[in-house]
Amino acid sequence: LNLGLVLAKRAAVRGSVLRSRPLEEKASLAQRFIRECLPLFERGVLKASVDRVFEMDEIKEAQLAMERNENIGKLIVRIGS
């Protein structure tokens, strides 16, 4: 996120959590994400930021890295080969 560009355009960044939302609203948002966002990932318009990939036997290290806020992006735990 280029904060300089956000400031220059006088834009705003807002966040929200779903924890307190009703189940029906969560389901509706999940369906909308599938419909509107997944195709953008499939075409490469959006990309997930992956910090590191851990093997299943390194899951404790992955947990510790997350607890220490060492990652910028997703921590992936590979299951199987």
PDB file of N, CA and C in Angstrom:
ATOM      1  N   LEU A   1       0.851  -1.170   0.000  1.00  0.00           N
ATOM      2  CA  LEU A   1       0.000   0.000   0.000  1.00  0.00           C
ATOM      3  C   LEU A   1       0.893   1.227   0.000  1.00  0.00           C
ATOM      4  N   ASN A   2       0.751   2.046  -0.998  1.00  0.00           N
ATOM      5  CA  ASN A   2       1.528   3.270  -1.108  1.00  0.00           C
ATOM      6  C   ASN A   2       0.803   4.368  -0.330  1.00  0.00           C
ATOM      7  N   LEU A   3       1.238   4.610   0.905  1.00  0.00           N
ATOM      8  CA  LEU A   3       0.568   5.598   1.743  1.00  0.00           C
ATOM      9  C   LEU A   3       0.726   7.007   1.197  1.00  0.00           C
ATOM     10  N   GLY A   4       1.826   7.279   0.510  1.00  0.00           N
ATOM     11  CA  GLY A   4       2.003   8.590  -0.110  1.00  0.00           C
ATOM     12  C   GLY A   4       0.908   8.862  -1.125  1.00  0.00           C
ATOM     13  N   LEU A   5       0.580   7.863  -1.925  1.00  0.00           N
ATOM     14  CA  LEU A   5      -0.478   8.003  -2.919  1.00  0.00           C
ATOM     15  C   LEU A   5      -1.840   8.160  -2.238  1.00  0.00           C
ATOM     16  N   VAL A   6      -2.060   7.422  -1.166  1.00  0.00           N
ATOM     17  CA  VAL A   6      -3.312   7.546  -0.412  1.00  0.00           C
ATOM     18  C   VAL A   6      -3.451   8.978   0.101  1.00  0.00           C
ATOM     19  N   LEU A   7      -2.377   9.510   0.680  1.00  0.00           N
ATOM     20  CA  LEU A   7      -2.424  10.877   1.199  1.00  0.00           C
ATOM     21  C   LEU A   7      -2.597  11.896   0.087  1.00  0.00           C
ATOM     22  N   ALA A   8      -1.885  11.709  -1.017  1.00  0.00           N
ATOM     23  CA  ALA A   8      -1.966  12.660  -2.125  1.00  0.00           C
ATOM     24  C   ALA A   8      -3.372  12.726  -2.714  1.00  0.00           C
ATOM     25  N   LYS A   9      -4.047  11.608  -2.735  1.00  0.00           N
ATOM     26  CA  LYS A   9      -5.403  11.564  -3.297  1.00  0.00           C
ATOM     27  C   LYS A   9      -6.471  11.831  -2.239  1.00  0.00           C
ATOM     28  N   ARG A  10      -6.025  12.097  -1.001  1.00  0.00           N
ATOM     29  CA  ARG A  10      -6.951  12.327   0.113  1.00  0.00           C
ATOM     30  C   ARG A  10      -7.933  11.160   0.261  1.00  0.00           C
ATOM     31  N   ALA A  11      -7.408   9.976   0.034  1.00  0.00           N
ATOM     32  CA  ALA A  11      -8.227   8.768   0.143  1.00  0.00           C
ATOM     33  C   ALA A  11      -8.302   8.327   1.604  1.00  0.00           C
ATOM     34  N   ALA A  12      -9.105   7.339   1.848  1.00  0.00           N
ATOM     35  CA  ALA A  12      -9.251   6.798   3.198  1.00  0.00           C
ATOM     36  C   ALA A  12      -9.090   5.285   3.144  1.00  0.00           C
ATOM     37  N   VAL A  13      -8.544   4.740   4.202  1.00  0.00           N
ATOM     38  CA  VAL A  13      -8.414   3.295   4.341  1.00  0.00           C
ATOM     39  C   VAL A  13      -9.294   2.903   5.523  1.00  0.00           C
ATOM     40  N   ARG A  14     -10.208   1.967   5.281  1.00  0.00           N
ATOM     41  CA  ARG A  14     -11.113   1.521   6.333  1.00  0.00           C
ATOM     42  C   ARG A  14     -11.024   0.021   6.479  1.00  0.00           C
ATOM     43  N   GLY A  15     -11.279  -0.439   7.666  1.00  0.00           N
ATOM     44  CA  GLY A  15     -11.268  -1.869   7.926  1.00  0.00           C
ATOM     45  C   GLY A  15     -12.536  -2.295   8.636  1.00  0.00           C
ATOM     46  N   SER A  16     -12.770  -3.580   8.634  1.00  0.00           N
ATOM     47  CA  SER A  16     -13.960  -4.111   9.282  1.00  0.00           C
ATOM     48  C   SER A  16     -13.671  -5.544   9.705  1.00  0.00           C
ATOM     49  N   VAL A  17     -14.394  -5.996  10.692  1.00  0.00           N
ATOM     50  CA  VAL A  17     -14.292  -7.389  11.108  1.00  0.00           C
ATOM     51  C   VAL A  17     -15.659  -8.045  10.923  1.00  0.00           C
ATOM     52  N   LEU A  18     -15.630  -9.314  10.689  1.00  0.00           N
ATOM     53  CA  LEU A  18     -16.879 -10.044  10.466  1.00  0.00           C
ATOM     54  C   LEU A  18     -17.351 -10.788  11.711  1.00  0.00           C
ATOM     55  N   ARG A  19     -16.530 -10.841  12.729  1.00  0.00           N
ATOM     56  CA  ARG A  19     -16.839 -11.657  13.901  1.00  0.00           C
ATOM     57  C   ARG A  19     -18.221 -11.378  14.463  1.00  0.00           C
ATOM     58  N   SER A  20     -18.605 -10.108  14.556  1.00  0.00           N
ATOM     59  CA  SER A  20     -19.883  -9.766  15.177  1.00  0.00           C
ATOM     60  C   SER A  20     -21.053  -9.739  14.192  1.00  0.00           C
ATOM     61  N   ARG A  21     -20.784 -10.023  12.943  1.00  0.00           N
ATOM     62  CA  ARG A  21     -21.847  -9.973  11.929  1.00  0.00           C
ATOM     63  C   ARG A  21     -22.678 -11.251  11.952  1.00  0.00           C
ATOM     64  N   PRO A  22     -23.954 -11.160  11.569  1.00  0.00           N
ATOM     65  CA  PRO A  22     -24.802 -12.368  11.515  1.00  0.00           C
ATOM     66  C   PRO A  22     -24.283 -13.365  10.477  1.00  0.00           C
ATOM     67  N   LEU A  23     -24.540 -14.640  10.705  1.00  0.00           N
ATOM     68  CA  LEU A  23     -24.091 -15.707   9.818  1.00  0.00           C
ATOM     69  C   LEU A  23     -24.550 -15.475   8.376  1.00  0.00           C
ATOM     70  N   GLU A  24     -25.775 -15.017   8.196  1.00  0.00           N
ATOM     71  CA  GLU A  24     -26.300 -14.783   6.843  1.00  0.00           C
ATOM     72  C   GLU A  24     -25.476 -13.726   6.108  1.00  0.00           C
ATOM     73  N   GLU A  25     -25.067 -12.686   6.825  1.00  0.00           N
ATOM     74  CA  GLU A  25     -24.252 -11.638   6.202  1.00  0.00           C
ATOM     75  C   GLU A  25     -22.872 -12.168   5.835  1.00  0.00           C
ATOM     76  N   LYS A  26     -22.287 -12.979   6.705  1.00  0.00           N
ATOM     77  CA  LYS A  26     -20.991 -13.584   6.418  1.00  0.00           C
ATOM     78  C   LYS A  26     -21.079 -14.465   5.176  1.00  0.00           C
ATOM     79  N   ALA A  27     -22.138 -15.264   5.079  1.00  0.00           N
ATOM     80  CA  ALA A  27     -22.319 -16.145   3.925  1.00  0.00           C
ATOM     81  C   ALA A  27     -22.489 -15.331   2.652  1.00  0.00           C
ATOM     82  N   SER A  28     -23.254 -14.264   2.727  1.00  0.00           N
ATOM     83  CA  SER A  28     -23.463 -13.401   1.566  1.00  0.00           C
ATOM     84  C   SER A  28     -22.151 -12.766   1.102  1.00  0.00           C
ATOM     85  N   LEU A  29     -21.341 -12.310   2.052  1.00  0.00           N
ATOM     86  CA  LEU A  29     -20.050 -11.715   1.704  1.00  0.00           C
ATOM     87  C   LEU A  29     -19.104 -12.747   1.097  1.00  0.00           C
ATOM     88  N   ALA A  30     -19.134 -13.970   1.628  1.00  0.00           N
ATOM     89  CA  ALA A  30     -18.282 -15.033   1.070  1.00  0.00           C
ATOM     90  C   ALA A  30     -18.679 -15.331  -0.370  1.00  0.00           C
ATOM     91  N   GLN A  31     -19.978 -15.397  -0.641  1.00  0.00           N
ATOM     92  CA  GLN A  31     -20.440 -15.647  -2.011  1.00  0.00           C
ATOM     93  C   GLN A  31     -20.051 -14.497  -2.945  1.00  0.00           C
ATOM     94  N   ARG A  32     -20.157 -13.279  -2.449  1.00  0.00           N
ATOM     95  CA  ARG A  32     -19.773 -12.119  -3.263  1.00  0.00           C
ATOM     96  C   ARG A  32     -18.278 -12.151  -3.570  1.00  0.00           C
ATOM     97  N   PHE A  33     -17.453 -12.526  -2.571  1.00  0.00           N
ATOM     98  CA  PHE A  33     -16.009 -12.644  -2.780  1.00  0.00           C
ATOM     99  C   PHE A  33     -15.724 -13.680  -3.873  1.00  0.00           C
ATOM    100  N   ILE A  34     -16.398 -14.822  -3.788  1.00  0.00           N
ATOM    101  CA  ILE A  34     -16.208 -15.879  -4.788  1.00  0.00           C
ATOM    102  C   ILE A  34     -16.568 -15.368  -6.175  1.00  0.00           C
ATOM    103  N   ARG A  35     -17.660 -14.668  -6.271  1.00  0.00           N
ATOM    104  CA  ARG A  35     -18.167 -14.179  -7.554  1.00  0.00           C
ATOM    105  C   ARG A  35     -17.310 -13.040  -8.122  1.00  0.00           C
ATOM    106  N   GLU A  36     -16.903 -12.099  -7.272  1.00  0.00           N
ATOM    107  CA  GLU A  36     -16.254 -10.888  -7.765  1.00  0.00           C
ATOM    108  C   GLU A  36     -14.729 -10.889  -7.659  1.00  0.00           C
ATOM    109  N   CYS A  37     -14.181 -11.547  -6.656  1.00  0.00           N
ATOM    110  CA  CYS A  37     -12.735 -11.453  -6.424  1.00  0.00           C
ATOM    111  C   CYS A  37     -11.938 -12.646  -6.928  1.00  0.00           C
ATOM    112  N   LEU A  38     -12.455 -13.859  -6.762  1.00  0.00           N
ATOM    113  CA  LEU A  38     -11.688 -15.026  -7.203  1.00  0.00           C
ATOM    114  C   LEU A  38     -11.289 -14.956  -8.675  1.00  0.00           C
ATOM    115  N   PRO A  39     -12.179 -14.491  -9.569  1.00  0.00           N
ATOM    116  CA  PRO A  39     -11.740 -14.374 -10.963  1.00  0.00           C
ATOM    117  C   PRO A  39     -10.541 -13.432 -11.138  1.00  0.00           C
ATOM    118  N   LEU A  40     -10.431 -12.412 -10.298  1.00  0.00           N
ATOM    119  CA  LEU A  40      -9.290 -11.500 -10.378  1.00  0.00           C
ATOM    120  C   LEU A  40      -7.997 -12.192  -9.961  1.00  0.00           C
ATOM    121  N   PHE A  41      -8.066 -13.077  -8.959  1.00  0.00           N
ATOM    122  CA  PHE A  41      -6.899 -13.866  -8.583  1.00  0.00           C
ATOM    123  C   PHE A  41      -6.542 -14.839  -9.707  1.00  0.00           C
ATOM    124  N   GLU A  42      -7.547 -15.465 -10.301  1.00  0.00           N
ATOM    125  CA  GLU A  42      -7.312 -16.435 -11.371  1.00  0.00           C
ATOM    126  C   GLU A  42      -6.643 -15.777 -12.579  1.00  0.00           C
ATOM    127  N   ARG A  43      -6.997 -14.530 -12.883  1.00  0.00           N
ATOM    128  CA  ARG A  43      -6.406 -13.815 -14.023  1.00  0.00           C
ATOM    129  C   ARG A  43      -5.096 -13.124 -13.669  1.00  0.00           C
ATOM    130  N   GLY A  44      -4.708 -13.153 -12.393  1.00  0.00           N
ATOM    131  CA  GLY A  44      -3.456 -12.526 -11.983  1.00  0.00           C
ATOM    132  C   GLY A  44      -3.564 -11.033 -11.724  1.00  0.00           C
ATOM    133  N   VAL A  45      -4.777 -10.491 -11.757  1.00  0.00           N
ATOM    134  CA  VAL A  45      -4.967  -9.070 -11.460  1.00  0.00           C
ATOM    135  C   VAL A  45      -4.674  -8.815  -9.982  1.00  0.00           C
ATOM    136  N   LEU A  46      -5.129  -9.712  -9.114  1.00  0.00           N
ATOM    137  CA  LEU A  46      -4.833  -9.669  -7.691  1.00  0.00           C
ATOM    138  C   LEU A  46      -3.905 -10.823  -7.360  1.00  0.00           C
ATOM    139  N   LYS A  47      -2.987 -10.585  -6.440  1.00  0.00           N
ATOM    140  CA  LYS A  47      -2.056 -11.638  -6.014  1.00  0.00           C
ATOM    141  C   LYS A  47      -1.977 -11.625  -4.497  1.00  0.00           C
ATOM    142  N   ALA A  48      -1.975 -12.805  -3.913  1.00  0.00           N
ATOM    143  CA  ALA A  48      -1.805 -12.915  -2.468  1.00  0.00           C
ATOM    144  C   ALA A  48      -0.340 -12.679  -2.130  1.00  0.00           C
ATOM    145  N   SER A  49      -0.108 -11.972  -1.063  1.00  0.00           N
ATOM    146  CA  SER A  49       1.255 -11.724  -0.598  1.00  0.00           C
ATOM    147  C   SER A  49       1.658 -12.865   0.331  1.00  0.00           C
ATOM    148  N   VAL A  50       2.577 -13.706  -0.135  1.00  0.00           N
ATOM    149  CA  VAL A  50       3.025 -14.860   0.645  1.00  0.00           C
ATOM    150  C   VAL A  50       4.399 -14.547   1.214  1.00  0.00           C
ATOM    151  N   ASP A  51       4.502 -14.583   2.531  1.00  0.00           N
ATOM    152  CA  ASP A  51       5.771 -14.317   3.198  1.00  0.00           C
ATOM    153  C   ASP A  51       6.665 -15.554   3.177  1.00  0.00           C
ATOM    154  N   ARG A  52       6.142 -16.664   3.693  1.00  0.00           N
ATOM    155  CA  ARG A  52       6.921 -17.904   3.756  1.00  0.00           C
ATOM    156  C   ARG A  52       6.017 -19.120   3.654  1.00  0.00           C
ATOM    157  N   VAL A  53       6.609 -20.210   3.216  1.00  0.00           N
ATOM    158  CA  VAL A  53       5.906 -21.499   3.155  1.00  0.00           C
ATOM    159  C   VAL A  53       6.622 -22.449   4.111  1.00  0.00           C
ATOM    160  N   PHE A  54       5.855 -23.041   5.009  1.00  0.00           N
ATOM    161  CA  PHE A  54       6.387 -23.994   5.974  1.00  0.00           C
ATOM    162  C   PHE A  54       5.889 -25.388   5.628  1.00  0.00           C
ATOM    163  N   GLU A  55       6.683 -26.380   5.961  1.00  0.00           N
ATOM    164  CA  GLU A  55       6.243 -27.763   5.847  1.00  0.00           C
ATOM    165  C   GLU A  55       5.434 -28.097   7.106  1.00  0.00           C
ATOM    166  N   MET A  56       4.632 -29.147   7.047  1.00  0.00           N
ATOM    167  CA  MET A  56       3.771 -29.510   8.159  1.00  0.00           C
ATOM    168  C   MET A  56       4.568 -29.737   9.440  1.00  0.00           C
ATOM    169  N   ASP A  57       5.769 -30.306   9.325  1.00  0.00           N
ATOM    170  CA  ASP A  57       6.559 -30.550  10.538  1.00  0.00           C
ATOM    171  C   ASP A  57       7.190 -29.271  11.093  1.00  0.00           C
ATOM    172  N   GLU A  58       6.987 -28.138  10.427  1.00  0.00           N
ATOM    173  CA  GLU A  58       7.476 -26.842  10.897  1.00  0.00           C
ATOM    174  C   GLU A  58       6.333 -25.953  11.417  1.00  0.00           C
ATOM    175  N   ILE A  59       5.211 -26.565  11.704  1.00  0.00           N
ATOM    176  CA  ILE A  59       4.033 -25.781  12.065  1.00  0.00           C
ATOM    177  C   ILE A  59       4.252 -24.957  13.335  1.00  0.00           C
ATOM    178  N   LYS A  60       5.021 -25.476  14.275  1.00  0.00           N
ATOM    179  CA  LYS A  60       5.319 -24.717  15.498  1.00  0.00           C
ATOM    180  C   LYS A  60       6.104 -23.453  15.145  1.00  0.00           C
ATOM    181  N   GLU A  61       7.067 -23.554  14.225  1.00  0.00           N
ATOM    182  CA  GLU A  61       7.831 -22.381  13.804  1.00  0.00           C
ATOM    183  C   GLU A  61       6.932 -21.362  13.112  1.00  0.00           C
ATOM    184  N   ALA A  62       5.970 -21.853  12.336  1.00  0.00           N
ATOM    185  CA  ALA A  62       5.026 -20.956  11.669  1.00  0.00           C
ATOM    186  C   ALA A  62       4.188 -20.207  12.700  1.00  0.00           C
ATOM    187  N   GLN A  63       3.716 -20.918  13.711  1.00  0.00           N
ATOM    188  CA  GLN A  63       2.933 -20.294  14.775  1.00  0.00           C
ATOM    189  C   GLN A  63       3.749 -19.236  15.508  1.00  0.00           C
ATOM    190  N   LEU A  64       4.996 -19.553  15.826  1.00  0.00           N
ATOM    191  CA  LEU A  64       5.857 -18.596  16.527  1.00  0.00           C
ATOM    192  C   LEU A  64       6.139 -17.367  15.665  1.00  0.00           C
ATOM    193  N   ALA A  65       6.371 -17.579  14.385  1.00  0.00           N
ATOM    194  CA  ALA A  65       6.611 -16.451  13.476  1.00  0.00           C
ATOM    195  C   ALA A  65       5.395 -15.530  13.447  1.00  0.00           C
ATOM    196  N   MET A  66       4.198 -16.119  13.429  1.00  0.00           N
ATOM    197  CA  MET A  66       2.977 -15.324  13.413  1.00  0.00           C
ATOM    198  C   MET A  66       2.811 -14.573  14.737  1.00  0.00           C
ATOM    199  N   GLU A  67       3.056 -15.250  15.848  1.00  0.00           N
ATOM    200  CA  GLU A  67       2.929 -14.612  17.156  1.00  0.00           C
ATOM    201  C   GLU A  67       3.902 -13.446  17.323  1.00  0.00           C
ATOM    202  N   ARG A  68       5.091 -13.560  16.725  1.00  0.00           N
ATOM    203  CA  ARG A  68       6.106 -12.503  16.833  1.00  0.00           C
ATOM    204  C   ARG A  68       5.940 -11.420  15.762  1.00  0.00           C
ATOM    205  N   ASN A  69       4.881 -11.541  14.953  1.00  0.00           N
ATOM    206  CA  ASN A  69       4.646 -10.568  13.865  1.00  0.00           C
ATOM    207  C   ASN A  69       5.849 -10.441  12.933  1.00  0.00           C
ATOM    208  N   GLU A  70       6.473 -11.561  12.619  1.00  0.00           N
ATOM    209  CA  GLU A  70       7.639 -11.548  11.737  1.00  0.00           C
ATOM    210  C   GLU A  70       7.260 -11.522  10.262  1.00  0.00           C
ATOM    211  N   ASN A  71       6.014 -11.779   9.958  1.00  0.00           N
ATOM    212  CA  ASN A  71       5.625 -11.921   8.554  1.00  0.00           C
ATOM    213  C   ASN A  71       4.992 -10.647   8.009  1.00  0.00           C
ATOM    214  N   ILE A  72       5.222 -10.457   6.725  1.00  0.00           N
ATOM    215  CA  ILE A  72       4.492  -9.450   5.948  1.00  0.00           C
ATOM    216  C   ILE A  72       3.883 -10.242   4.807  1.00  0.00           C
ATOM    217  N   GLY A  73       2.643 -10.616   4.962  1.00  0.00           N
ATOM    218  CA  GLY A  73       1.979 -11.490   4.009  1.00  0.00           C
ATOM    219  C   GLY A  73       1.575 -12.783   4.692  1.00  0.00           C
ATOM    220  N   LYS A  74       1.093 -13.695   3.902  1.00  0.00           N
ATOM    221  CA  LYS A  74       0.548 -14.947   4.409  1.00  0.00           C
ATOM    222  C   LYS A  74       1.654 -15.929   4.769  1.00  0.00           C
ATOM    223  N   LEU A  75       1.405 -16.691   5.809  1.00  0.00           N
ATOM    224  CA  LEU A  75       2.239 -17.841   6.140  1.00  0.00           C
ATOM    225  C   LEU A  75       1.471 -19.068   5.693  1.00  0.00           C
ATOM    226  N   ILE A  76       2.090 -19.870   4.870  1.00  0.00           N
ATOM    227  CA  ILE A  76       1.452 -21.061   4.308  1.00  0.00           C
ATOM    228  C   ILE A  76       2.061 -22.300   4.958  1.00  0.00           C
ATOM    229  N   VAL A  77       1.210 -23.240   5.355  1.00  0.00           N
ATOM    230  CA  VAL A  77       1.680 -24.533   5.845  1.00  0.00           C
ATOM    231  C   VAL A  77       1.295 -25.563   4.824  1.00  0.00           C
ATOM    232  N   ARG A  78       2.303 -26.182   4.202  1.00  0.00           N
ATOM    233  CA  ARG A  78       2.077 -27.193   3.168  1.00  0.00           C
ATOM    234  C   ARG A  78       1.764 -28.529   3.830  1.00  0.00           C
ATOM    235  N   ILE A  79       0.645 -29.114   3.447  1.00  0.00           N
ATOM    236  CA  ILE A  79       0.229 -30.410   3.965  1.00  0.00           C
ATOM    237  C   ILE A  79       0.440 -31.438   2.865  1.00  0.00           C
ATOM    238  N   GLY A  80       1.199 -32.463   3.154  1.00  0.00           N
ATOM    239  CA  GLY A  80       1.486 -33.479   2.140  1.00  0.00           C
ATOM    240  C   GLY A  80       2.664 -33.045   1.273  1.00  0.00           C
ATOM    241  N   SER A  81       2.809 -33.721   0.122  1.00  0.00           N
ATOM    242  CA  SER A  81       3.980 -33.441  -0.717  1.00  0.00           C
ATOM    243  C   SER A  81       3.720 -32.466  -1.810  1.00  0.00           C
TER     244      SER A  81
END
